[in-house]
């Protein structure tokens, strides 16, 4: 395991684990920590052996949100929170989009940007003790890391406004009910479950996985017609890939596919 300050990195086969590690501060993010996270995302993108990522947190809590005492003055001056060179925006709002799937494991407190980091992931697993709140309006501001965009899209307008406009806390079961998380597991099992899902994804054909992400995002961002227009043309190169041939062969031989990404 490698650590750059408060963000750990660890590769298990084709899965890249990114850990938030400022336990003494309930994993609250300062500016340096945000950039470290972006750099970790960049490492995940550039590592050709990585097929899926897992975002998790050390300690009892996912994150208490922003360290406003440190970040507040920067926001007041209009300082951008964009990553430095080599980093990928973990909120998926600026710059090139992440091309590899990401599973997020959440436990304990998950406030403000914690929800936004989770919303920017593709699959979310929560421990039974997870507690969520989008409390920016209680601090005189509003969510600026993507929650106003993704929260309504993921859980529906009414469910999103119920929590965006009140700042009320809600638990893991409510997060599952509204669709913010896909599974709730016993406390302590969230990371293992997230890794298991990531390993399942990593075992699939990498080109097909990436094409699936691209097609789904296009439908969300540009509309269904734009996505439909590319379905056939984007399929052709996949059909000519080594992975497609391996997929057909594994089907005929009744065995799991051994995909190389070629």
Protein backbone atom coordinates (compact mmCIF):
# COMPACT_ATOMS: atom_id res chain seq x y z
CA UNK A 1 0.00 0.00 0.00
CA UNK A 2 1.28 3.45 -0.90
CA UNK A 3 0.22 6.65 0.81
CA UNK A 4 0.51 10.22 -0.41
CA UNK A 5 -0.46 12.05 2.75
CA UNK A 6 -4.10 11.32 3.33
CA UNK A 7 -4.96 9.18 0.32
CA UNK A 8 -3.85 5.55 0.07
CA UNK A 9 -3.45 3.56 -3.13
CA UNK A 10 -3.32 -0.20 -3.47
CA UNK A 11 -3.69 -2.41 -6.54
CA UNK A 12 -5.09 -5.92 -6.14
CA UNK A 13 -4.78 -7.57 -9.52
CA UNK A 14 -6.94 -5.50 -11.85
CA UNK A 15 -8.67 -3.58 -9.05
CA UNK A 16 -7.33 -0.24 -7.75
CA UNK A 17 -8.25 0.73 -4.19
CA UNK A 18 -8.29 4.42 -3.25
CA UNK A 19 -8.59 5.07 0.47
CA UNK A 20 -9.49 8.32 2.22
CA UNK A 21 -7.27 8.45 5.29
CA UNK A 22 -7.56 11.42 7.63
CA UNK A 23 -9.20 9.47 10.41
CA UNK A 24 -8.43 11.92 13.23
CA UNK A 25 -10.49 14.57 11.38
CA UNK A 26 -13.31 12.20 10.38
CA UNK A 27 -11.76 12.21 6.90
CA UNK A 28 -12.66 15.86 6.33
CA UNK A 29 -11.11 17.18 3.13
CA UNK A 30 -8.74 20.13 2.89
CA UNK A 31 -7.36 21.47 -0.40
CA UNK A 32 -4.27 19.26 -0.42
CA UNK A 33 -6.36 16.19 0.26
CA UNK A 34 -8.73 16.98 -2.61
CA UNK A 35 -5.77 17.22 -4.97
CA UNK A 36 -4.28 13.98 -3.63
CA UNK A 37 -7.57 12.25 -4.37
CA UNK A 38 -7.55 13.67 -7.90
CA UNK A 39 -3.99 12.43 -8.39
CA UNK A 40 -5.03 8.95 -7.23
CA UNK A 41 -7.83 8.96 -9.81
CA UNK A 42 -5.23 9.95 -12.40
CA UNK A 43 -3.03 7.02 -11.41
CA UNK A 44 -5.98 4.69 -11.75
CA UNK A 45 -6.69 6.00 -15.24
CA UNK A 46 -3.09 5.67 -16.43
CA UNK A 47 -2.46 2.17 -15.06
CA UNK A 48 -3.18 -0.20 -17.95
CA UNK A 49 -3.52 -3.12 -15.54
CA UNK A 50 -6.43 -1.50 -13.72
CA UNK A 51 -9.92 -2.36 -14.93
CA UNK A 52 -12.04 -1.13 -12.03
CA UNK A 53 -11.58 1.11 -9.00
CA UNK A 54 -12.89 1.15 -5.44
CA UNK A 55 -13.22 4.32 -3.38
CA UNK A 56 -13.41 3.73 0.36
CA UNK A 57 -12.49 5.37 3.67
CA UNK A 58 -10.30 4.29 6.55
CA UNK A 59 -11.71 4.46 10.06
CA UNK A 60 -15.31 4.62 11.22
CA UNK A 61 -16.54 7.32 8.85
CA UNK A 62 -16.52 7.97 5.10
CA UNK A 63 -16.09 11.73 5.44
CA UNK A 64 -17.33 14.65 7.48
CA UNK A 65 -17.19 16.76 4.32
CA UNK A 66 -15.03 19.78 3.65
CA UNK A 67 -12.68 21.23 6.24
CA UNK A 68 -14.35 24.62 5.93
CA UNK A 69 -11.84 26.37 8.17
CA UNK A 70 -9.18 25.61 5.58
CA UNK A 71 -11.20 25.47 2.36
CA UNK A 72 -13.64 28.30 3.13
CA UNK A 73 -11.21 31.19 2.50
CA UNK A 74 -10.22 29.66 -0.84
CA UNK A 75 -13.87 29.38 -1.88
CA UNK A 76 -14.49 32.96 -0.78
CA UNK A 77 -11.74 34.11 -3.13
CA UNK A 78 -13.23 32.13 -6.00
CA UNK A 79 -10.35 29.67 -6.10
CA UNK A 80 -11.08 26.74 -8.37
CA UNK A 81 -10.91 23.28 -6.84
CA UNK A 82 -9.79 21.76 -10.14
CA UNK A 83 -7.02 19.17 -9.83
CA UNK A 84 -3.41 19.97 -10.63
CA UNK A 85 -1.66 18.46 -13.63
CA UNK A 86 -2.00 14.70 -13.81
CA UNK A 87 -5.15 14.53 -11.73
CA UNK A 88 -8.69 13.54 -12.69
CA UNK A 89 -11.61 15.43 -11.19
CA UNK A 90 -13.10 12.93 -8.68
CA UNK A 91 -16.44 14.74 -8.94
CA UNK A 92 -16.49 14.23 -12.71
CA UNK A 93 -17.41 17.84 -13.42
CA UNK A 94 -14.30 19.17 -15.16
CA UNK A 95 -11.81 17.78 -17.64
CA UNK A 96 -11.72 14.36 -19.23
CA UNK A 97 -14.24 11.84 -17.89
CA UNK A 98 -13.12 8.79 -15.97
CA UNK A 99 -13.07 5.77 -18.30
CA UNK A 100 -12.91 2.98 -15.72
CA UNK A 101 -15.82 1.93 -13.49
CA UNK A 102 -15.73 2.93 -9.84
CA UNK A 103 -17.43 1.27 -6.87
CA UNK A 104 -17.83 3.31 -3.68
CA UNK A 105 -17.94 1.80 -0.15
CA UNK A 106 -19.48 4.01 2.54
CA UNK A 107 -19.66 3.71 6.32
CA UNK A 108 -20.50 5.99 9.23
CA UNK A 109 -20.86 9.70 8.53
CA UNK A 110 -21.08 10.72 4.87
CA UNK A 111 -21.66 14.44 4.56
CA UNK A 112 -21.76 16.98 1.72
CA UNK A 113 -18.93 16.23 -0.72
CA UNK A 114 -18.99 12.61 0.49
CA UNK A 115 -22.39 12.20 -1.11
CA UNK A 116 -21.12 13.99 -4.21
CA UNK A 117 -18.10 11.69 -4.50
CA UNK A 118 -20.45 8.73 -4.16
CA UNK A 119 -22.84 10.12 -6.77
CA UNK A 120 -19.91 10.50 -9.17
CA UNK A 121 -19.12 6.78 -8.76
CA UNK A 122 -20.96 4.07 -10.68
CA UNK A 123 -22.06 1.71 -7.89
CA UNK A 124 -22.48 2.52 -4.20
CA UNK A 125 -22.40 0.12 -1.23
CA UNK A 126 -23.33 1.32 2.26
CA UNK A 127 -22.72 -0.20 5.66
CA UNK A 128 -25.77 -0.39 7.89
CA UNK A 129 -24.44 2.42 10.09
CA UNK A 130 -24.03 4.92 7.22
CA UNK A 131 -25.55 8.36 7.89
CA UNK A 132 -25.96 10.82 5.05
CA UNK A 133 -26.65 14.56 4.96
CA UNK A 134 -26.26 17.29 2.36
CA UNK A 135 -25.95 20.15 4.86
CA UNK A 136 -24.54 22.99 2.77
CA UNK A 137 -27.68 25.08 3.17
CA UNK A 138 -27.17 24.92 6.93
CA UNK A 139 -23.84 26.68 6.33
CA UNK A 140 -25.24 29.40 4.09
CA UNK A 141 -24.05 27.91 0.81
CA UNK A 142 -25.28 25.17 -1.52
CA UNK A 143 -23.87 21.92 -2.96
CA UNK A 144 -21.33 22.73 -5.67
CA UNK A 145 -19.75 19.31 -6.30
CA UNK A 146 -22.50 17.85 -8.45
CA UNK A 147 -25.30 17.01 -5.98
CA UNK A 148 -27.74 19.50 -7.52
CA UNK A 149 -27.24 17.69 -10.83
CA UNK A 150 -26.87 14.03 -9.91
CA UNK A 151 -28.99 13.70 -6.77
CA UNK A 152 -32.30 14.50 -8.56
CA UNK A 153 -31.28 12.33 -11.49
CA UNK A 154 -30.42 9.34 -9.30
CA UNK A 155 -33.25 9.40 -6.77
CA UNK A 156 -35.97 11.54 -8.34
CA UNK A 157 -36.82 15.21 -7.84
CA UNK A 158 -38.95 14.89 -4.71
CA UNK A 159 -36.58 12.56 -2.91
CA UNK A 160 -33.61 14.79 -3.73
CA UNK A 161 -35.30 18.03 -2.71
CA UNK A 162 -36.46 16.39 0.51
CA UNK A 163 -32.82 16.31 1.63
CA UNK A 164 -31.13 19.00 -0.45
CA UNK A 165 -33.52 21.69 0.81
CA UNK A 166 -33.67 20.61 4.46
CA UNK A 167 -30.19 19.35 5.18
CA UNK A 168 -31.80 16.54 7.18
CA UNK A 169 -29.82 13.41 7.98
CA UNK A 170 -30.94 10.02 6.68
CA UNK A 171 -29.69 6.47 7.17
CA UNK A 172 -28.55 3.60 5.00
CA UNK A 173 -32.00 2.05 4.56
CA UNK A 174 -33.46 5.34 3.37
CA UNK A 175 -30.48 5.78 1.03
CA UNK A 176 -31.28 2.34 -0.39
CA UNK A 177 -35.01 3.08 -0.63
CA UNK A 178 -34.50 6.17 -2.74
CA UNK A 179 -31.74 4.62 -4.86
CA UNK A 180 -28.74 6.56 -3.59
CA UNK A 181 -27.02 3.27 -2.75
CA UNK A 182 -27.46 -0.07 -4.46
CA UNK A 183 -26.80 -2.35 -1.48
CA UNK A 184 -26.72 -2.15 2.32
CA UNK A 185 -24.43 -4.62 4.08
CA UNK A 186 -23.50 -5.31 7.73
CA UNK A 187 -21.03 -2.87 9.26
CA UNK A 188 -17.48 -3.82 8.36
CA UNK A 189 -18.41 -5.68 5.17
CA UNK A 190 -18.84 -2.68 2.86
CA UNK A 191 -15.28 -2.71 1.51
CA UNK A 192 -15.18 -6.46 0.92
CA UNK A 193 -18.49 -6.27 -0.94
CA UNK A 194 -17.29 -3.32 -3.04
CA UNK A 195 -14.07 -5.16 -3.90
CA UNK A 196 -16.03 -8.28 -4.85
CA UNK A 197 -18.19 -6.27 -7.24
CA UNK A 198 -15.10 -4.55 -8.67
CA UNK A 199 -13.44 -7.92 -9.23
CA UNK A 200 -16.54 -9.15 -11.05
CA UNK A 201 -16.46 -6.08 -13.29
CA UNK A 202 -12.71 -6.45 -13.84
CA UNK A 203 -13.24 -10.01 -15.05
CA UNK A 204 -15.43 -8.81 -17.94
CA UNK A 205 -14.20 -7.63 -21.35
CA UNK A 206 -12.55 -4.22 -20.71
CA UNK A 207 -13.47 -2.73 -24.09
CA UNK A 208 -17.09 -3.73 -23.60
CA UNK A 209 -17.14 -2.30 -20.07
CA UNK A 210 -15.76 1.03 -21.24
CA UNK A 211 -18.15 1.16 -24.20
CA UNK A 212 -21.04 0.51 -21.82
CA UNK A 213 -19.99 3.45 -19.63
CA UNK A 214 -19.64 5.72 -22.64
CA UNK A 215 -23.06 4.76 -24.06
CA UNK A 216 -24.86 5.14 -20.73
CA UNK A 217 -23.25 8.50 -19.99
CA UNK A 218 -24.07 9.76 -23.45
CA UNK A 219 -27.73 8.89 -22.95
CA UNK A 220 -27.77 10.80 -19.65
CA UNK A 221 -25.82 13.84 -20.84
CA UNK A 222 -26.89 14.21 -24.46
CA UNK A 223 -30.19 12.33 -24.53
CA UNK A 224 -31.40 8.97 -25.73
CA UNK A 225 -31.42 9.87 -29.42
CA UNK A 226 -27.73 10.79 -29.34
CA UNK A 227 -26.92 7.49 -27.64
CA UNK A 228 -29.09 5.46 -30.03
CA UNK A 229 -27.34 7.02 -33.01
CA UNK A 230 -24.01 5.57 -31.89
CA UNK A 231 -25.05 2.10 -30.79
CA UNK A 232 -24.34 0.31 -34.08
CA UNK A 233 -21.21 2.24 -35.05
CA UNK A 234 -19.64 1.77 -31.62
CA UNK A 235 -20.43 -1.95 -31.73
CA UNK A 236 -18.45 -2.63 -34.92
CA UNK A 237 -14.93 -2.23 -33.46
CA UNK A 238 -15.94 -4.37 -30.48
CA UNK A 239 -17.10 -7.15 -32.80
CA UNK A 240 -13.65 -7.18 -34.41
CA UNK A 241 -11.78 -7.28 -31.10
CA UNK A 242 -9.86 -10.19 -29.63
CA UNK A 243 -12.11 -10.00 -26.59
CA UNK A 244 -15.21 -10.54 -28.72
CA UNK A 245 -13.61 -13.62 -30.26
CA UNK A 246 -12.67 -14.85 -26.80
CA UNK A 247 -16.21 -14.17 -25.61
CA UNK A 248 -17.68 -16.33 -28.38
CA UNK A 249 -15.12 -19.08 -27.82
CA UNK A 250 -15.74 -19.14 -24.07
CA UNK A 251 -19.47 -19.38 -24.74
CA UNK A 252 -19.00 -22.34 -27.06
CA UNK A 253 -16.59 -24.02 -24.65
CA UNK A 254 -18.83 -23.24 -21.66
CA UNK A 255 -16.11 -21.56 -19.59
CA UNK A 256 -15.45 -18.05 -18.23
CA UNK A 257 -13.88 -15.67 -20.68
CA UNK A 258 -10.21 -14.73 -20.35
CA UNK A 259 -10.18 -11.15 -21.57
CA UNK A 260 -7.08 -9.11 -22.31
CA UNK A 261 -8.61 -5.81 -23.44
CA UNK A 262 -7.49 -6.33 -27.02
